[in-house]
Amino acid sequence: MQKEYIHIILADDDEDDRLFFTDAFDEIKINTKVQTFNDGVELMEYLQKDEAILPQVLFLDLNMPRKGGIECLHEIKQNNKFKDIAIAIYSTSSSEQDIEETFISGANIYIKKPNDFAALKKVLSDVVTINWQYHTSGLNKDNFLLRM
């Protein structure tokens, strides 16, 4: 059965960032269901549940208390149950080291958090409408970093 919406999850410890993220999706003309988690521990506890609805796209903030985005990325990539989830790193960091580490660890795309609402809506719309199967088949570092 084809879902009539795109299921999106964001794990981010910043309450304002979670609010902007959900507000942006409310305004984008794409049928989505957005779930947010305050940190990586909450996210992983949810994903491990048998009844969890797995997202098509998971946005991970890198720097969160208790369990950061890199740790979550490693756990997700080690579990075959999550093989179909596209993972977008969603961070304020533009550090080459962070970009390199998440690329090597298997994230699908790296997004530096935009600091303006219109840019946020555009980047989220672009990420959600990517044909992930095509995008990830030729994944290289040039198309990994989504530049705004």
C-alpha atoms as a PDB file:
ATOM      1  CA  MET A   1       0.000   0.000   0.000  1.00  0.00           C
ATOM      2  CA  GLN A   2       1.415   3.393  -1.035  1.00  0.00           C
ATOM      3  CA  LYS A   3       1.447   5.987   1.729  1.00  0.00           C
ATOM      4  CA  GLU A   4      -0.319   9.219   0.895  1.00  0.00           C
ATOM      5  CA  TYR A   5       2.296  11.260   2.765  1.00  0.00           C
ATOM      6  CA  ILE A   6       6.045  11.392   3.282  1.00  0.00           C
ATOM      7  CA  HIS A   7       7.011  10.478   6.842  1.00  0.00           C
ATOM      8  CA  ILE A   8       9.770  12.751   8.158  1.00  0.00           C
ATOM      9  CA  ILE A   9      11.608  12.550  11.472  1.00  0.00           C
ATOM     10  CA  LEU A  10      13.848  15.224  12.981  1.00  0.00           C
ATOM     11  CA  ALA A  11      16.107  14.606  15.970  1.00  0.00           C
ATOM     12  CA  ASP A  12      17.312  17.961  17.300  1.00  0.00           C
ATOM     13  CA  ASP A  13      17.810  19.192  20.861  1.00  0.00           C
ATOM     14  CA  ASP A  14      17.078  22.840  19.970  1.00  0.00           C
ATOM     15  CA  GLU A  15      13.403  23.598  20.559  1.00  0.00           C
ATOM     16  CA  ASP A  16      13.422  26.620  18.222  1.00  0.00           C
ATOM     17  CA  ASP A  17      14.973  24.556  15.424  1.00  0.00           C
ATOM     18  CA  ARG A  18      12.309  21.860  15.857  1.00  0.00           C
ATOM     19  CA  LEU A  19       9.582  24.521  15.738  1.00  0.00           C
ATOM     20  CA  PHE A  20      10.991  26.216  12.596  1.00  0.00           C
ATOM     21  CA  PHE A  21      11.361  22.797  10.976  1.00  0.00           C
ATOM     22  CA  THR A  22       7.733  21.771  11.615  1.00  0.00           C
ATOM     23  CA  ASP A  23       6.457  25.246  10.671  1.00  0.00           C
ATOM     24  CA  ALA A  24       8.370  25.067   7.389  1.00  0.00           C
ATOM     25  CA  PHE A  25       6.789  21.722   6.526  1.00  0.00           C
ATOM     26  CA  ASP A  26       3.362  23.127   7.431  1.00  0.00           C
ATOM     27  CA  GLU A  27       3.892  25.788   4.756  1.00  0.00           C
ATOM     28  CA  ILE A  28       5.442  23.577   2.061  1.00  0.00           C
ATOM     29  CA  LYS A  29       2.897  22.196  -0.384  1.00  0.00           C
ATOM     30  CA  ILE A  30       4.011  18.590   0.114  1.00  0.00           C
ATOM     31  CA  ASN A  31       1.941  16.122   2.097  1.00  0.00           C
ATOM     32  CA  THR A  32       4.189  15.194   5.019  1.00  0.00           C
ATOM     33  CA  LYS A  33       3.877  13.847   8.528  1.00  0.00           C
ATOM     34  CA  VAL A  34       6.624  15.239  10.736  1.00  0.00           C
ATOM     35  CA  GLN A  35       7.733  13.736  14.034  1.00  0.00           C
ATOM     36  CA  THR A  36      10.397  15.316  16.217  1.00  0.00           C
ATOM     37  CA  PHE A  37      12.612  13.991  18.986  1.00  0.00           C
ATOM     38  CA  ASN A  38      14.661  15.969  21.506  1.00  0.00           C
ATOM     39  CA  ASP A  39      17.799  13.866  21.245  1.00  0.00           C
ATOM     40  CA  GLY A  40      19.355  10.721  19.849  1.00  0.00           C
ATOM     41  CA  VAL A  41      18.331   8.534  22.792  1.00  0.00           C
ATOM     42  CA  GLU A  42      14.621   9.326  22.272  1.00  0.00           C
ATOM     43  CA  LEU A  43      15.010   8.802  18.519  1.00  0.00           C
ATOM     44  CA  MET A  44      16.704   5.408  18.805  1.00  0.00           C
ATOM     45  CA  GLU A  45      14.242   4.195  21.470  1.00  0.00           C
ATOM     46  CA  TYR A  46      11.401   5.047  19.066  1.00  0.00           C
ATOM     47  CA  LEU A  47      13.031   3.461  15.990  1.00  0.00           C
ATOM     48  CA  GLN A  48      13.719   0.209  17.875  1.00  0.00           C
ATOM     49  CA  LYS A  49      10.034  -0.295  18.711  1.00  0.00           C
ATOM     50  CA  ASP A  50       8.260  -2.953  16.651  1.00  0.00           C
ATOM     51  CA  GLU A  51       5.328  -0.614  16.035  1.00  0.00           C
ATOM     52  CA  ALA A  52       7.523   2.339  14.978  1.00  0.00           C
ATOM     53  CA  ILE A  53       6.580   3.913  11.673  1.00  0.00           C
ATOM     54  CA  LEU A  54       9.921   4.315   9.934  1.00  0.00           C
ATOM     55  CA  PRO A  55      10.499   7.598   8.113  1.00  0.00           C
ATOM     56  CA  GLN A  56      11.389   7.959   4.463  1.00  0.00           C
ATOM     57  CA  VAL A  57      13.743  10.791   5.453  1.00  0.00           C
ATOM     58  CA  LEU A  58      15.460  11.225   8.827  1.00  0.00           C
ATOM     59  CA  PHE A  59      17.044  14.573   9.692  1.00  0.00           C
ATOM     60  CA  LEU A  60      19.790  14.268  12.328  1.00  0.00           C
ATOM     61  CA  ASP A  61      21.357  17.147  14.218  1.00  0.00           C
ATOM     62  CA  LEU A  62      24.993  16.329  14.982  1.00  0.00           C
ATOM     63  CA  ASN A  63      25.413  17.948  18.384  1.00  0.00           C
ATOM     64  CA  MET A  64      22.831  16.691  20.847  1.00  0.00           C
ATOM     65  CA  PRO A  65      23.163  15.771  24.519  1.00  0.00           C
ATOM     66  CA  ARG A  66      23.016  12.119  25.600  1.00  0.00           C
ATOM     67  CA  LYS A  67      23.466  10.755  22.048  1.00  0.00           C
ATOM     68  CA  GLY A  68      24.580  12.808  19.061  1.00  0.00           C
ATOM     69  CA  GLY A  69      23.800  12.467  15.384  1.00  0.00           C
ATOM     70  CA  ILE A  70      27.004  10.566  14.543  1.00  0.00           C
ATOM     71  CA  GLU A  71      26.234   7.894  17.154  1.00  0.00           C
ATOM     72  CA  CYS A  72      22.678   7.571  15.820  1.00  0.00           C
ATOM     73  CA  LEU A  73      23.975   7.375  12.249  1.00  0.00           C
ATOM     74  CA  HIS A  74      26.334   4.524  13.172  1.00  0.00           C
ATOM     75  CA  GLU A  75      23.569   2.597  14.985  1.00  0.00           C
ATOM     76  CA  ILE A  76      21.117   3.070  12.116  1.00  0.00           C
ATOM     77  CA  LYS A  77      23.629   1.963   9.479  1.00  0.00           C
ATOM     78  CA  GLN A  78      24.399  -1.211  11.474  1.00  0.00           C
ATOM     79  CA  ASN A  79      20.744  -2.302  11.506  1.00  0.00           C
ATOM     80  CA  ASN A  80      19.253  -3.754   8.316  1.00  0.00           C
ATOM     81  CA  LYS A  81      15.758  -2.759   9.514  1.00  0.00           C
ATOM     82  CA  PHE A  82      16.678   0.852   8.679  1.00  0.00           C
ATOM     83  CA  LYS A  83      18.292   0.291   5.268  1.00  0.00           C
ATOM     84  CA  ASP A  84      15.595   2.203   3.351  1.00  0.00           C
ATOM     85  CA  ILE A  85      15.757   5.388   5.434  1.00  0.00           C
ATOM     86  CA  ALA A  86      17.415   8.357   3.715  1.00  0.00           C
ATOM     87  CA  ILE A  87      19.510  10.187   6.301  1.00  0.00           C
ATOM     88  CA  ALA A  88      20.037  13.928   6.099  1.00  0.00           C
ATOM     89  CA  ILE A  89      22.556  15.424   8.503  1.00  0.00           C
ATOM     90  CA  TYR A  90      21.043  18.735   9.585  1.00  0.00           C
ATOM     91  CA  SER A  91      23.573  20.814  11.474  1.00  0.00           C
ATOM     92  CA  THR A  92      24.899  24.296  12.166  1.00  0.00           C
ATOM     93  CA  SER A  93      28.401  22.895  11.669  1.00  0.00           C
ATOM     94  CA  SER A  94      30.143  23.408   8.354  1.00  0.00           C
ATOM     95  CA  SER A  95      33.286  21.688   9.600  1.00  0.00           C
ATOM     96  CA  GLU A  96      35.022  19.642   6.889  1.00  0.00           C
ATOM     97  CA  GLN A  97      35.708  16.981   9.515  1.00  0.00           C
ATOM     98  CA  ASP A  98      31.975  16.622  10.333  1.00  0.00           C
ATOM     99  CA  ILE A  99      31.058  16.537   6.642  1.00  0.00           C
ATOM    100  CA  GLU A 100      33.722  13.928   5.887  1.00  0.00           C
ATOM    101  CA  GLU A 101      32.849  11.734   8.882  1.00  0.00           C
ATOM    102  CA  THR A 102      29.117  11.691   8.126  1.00  0.00           C
ATOM    103  CA  PHE A 103      29.775  11.001   4.429  1.00  0.00           C
ATOM    104  CA  ILE A 104      32.035   8.050   5.233  1.00  0.00           C
ATOM    105  CA  SER A 105      29.543   6.807   7.851  1.00  0.00           C
ATOM    106  CA  GLY A 106      26.785   6.520   5.260  1.00  0.00           C
ATOM    107  CA  ALA A 107      24.604   9.627   5.547  1.00  0.00           C
ATOM    108  CA  ASN A 108      22.824  10.496   2.293  1.00  0.00           C
ATOM    109  CA  ILE A 109      23.124  14.278   2.399  1.00  0.00           C
ATOM    110  CA  TYR A 110      24.567  17.024   4.598  1.00  0.00           C
ATOM    111  CA  ILE A 111      22.617  20.238   5.134  1.00  0.00           C
ATOM    112  CA  LYS A 112      23.927  23.269   6.946  1.00  0.00           C
ATOM    113  CA  LYS A 113      20.942  24.724   8.799  1.00  0.00           C
ATOM    114  CA  PRO A 114      19.756  27.831   6.961  1.00  0.00           C
ATOM    115  CA  ASN A 115      19.357  30.921   9.139  1.00  0.00           C
ATOM    116  CA  ASP A 116      16.323  32.252   7.290  1.00  0.00           C
ATOM    117  CA  PHE A 117      12.840  30.755   7.074  1.00  0.00           C
ATOM    118  CA  ALA A 118      12.433  31.037   3.275  1.00  0.00           C
ATOM    119  CA  ALA A 119      15.774  29.271   2.744  1.00  0.00           C
ATOM    120  CA  LEU A 120      14.741  26.590   5.244  1.00  0.00           C
ATOM    121  CA  LYS A 121      11.495  25.920   3.345  1.00  0.00           C
ATOM    122  CA  LYS A 122      13.404  25.684   0.049  1.00  0.00           C
ATOM    123  CA  VAL A 123      16.057  23.295   1.367  1.00  0.00           C
ATOM    124  CA  LEU A 124      13.493  21.045   3.089  1.00  0.00           C
ATOM    125  CA  SER A 125      11.337  20.967  -0.047  1.00  0.00           C
ATOM    126  CA  ASP A 126      14.407  20.087  -2.154  1.00  0.00           C
ATOM    127  CA  VAL A 127      15.477  17.286   0.211  1.00  0.00           C
ATOM    128  CA  VAL A 128      12.005  15.737   0.441  1.00  0.00           C
ATOM    129  CA  THR A 129      11.467  15.760  -3.324  1.00  0.00           C
ATOM    130  CA  ILE A 130      14.844  14.187  -4.192  1.00  0.00           C
ATOM    131  CA  ASN A 131      14.552  10.817  -5.883  1.00  0.00           C
ATOM    132  CA  TRP A 132      16.664   9.121  -3.200  1.00  0.00           C
ATOM    133  CA  GLN A 133      17.205   5.907  -5.114  1.00  0.00           C
ATOM    134  CA  TYR A 134      18.743   7.830  -7.997  1.00  0.00           C
ATOM    135  CA  HIS A 135      20.542  10.324  -5.768  1.00  0.00           C
ATOM    136  CA  THR A 136      22.239   7.685  -3.636  1.00  0.00           C
ATOM    137  CA  SER A 137      23.191   5.381  -6.519  1.00  0.00           C
ATOM    138  CA  GLY A 138      25.865   7.807  -7.667  1.00  0.00           C
ATOM    139  CA  LEU A 139      26.673   9.283  -4.289  1.00  0.00           C
ATOM    140  CA  ASN A 140      29.861  11.275  -4.172  1.00  0.00           C
ATOM    141  CA  LYS A 141      31.090  14.054  -1.960  1.00  0.00           C
ATOM    142  CA  ASP A 142      30.129  16.738  -4.499  1.00  0.00           C
ATOM    143  CA  ASN A 143      26.407  15.930  -4.301  1.00  0.00           C
ATOM    144  CA  PHE A 144      26.563  15.032  -0.585  1.00  0.00           C
ATOM    145  CA  LEU A 145      26.789  18.595   0.702  1.00  0.00           C
ATOM    146  CA  LEU A 146      23.629  20.560  -0.101  1.00  0.00           C
ATOM    147  CA  ARG A 147      24.806  24.126  -0.571  1.00  0.00           C
ATOM    148  CA  MET A 148      22.424  27.051  -0.192  1.00  0.00           C
END
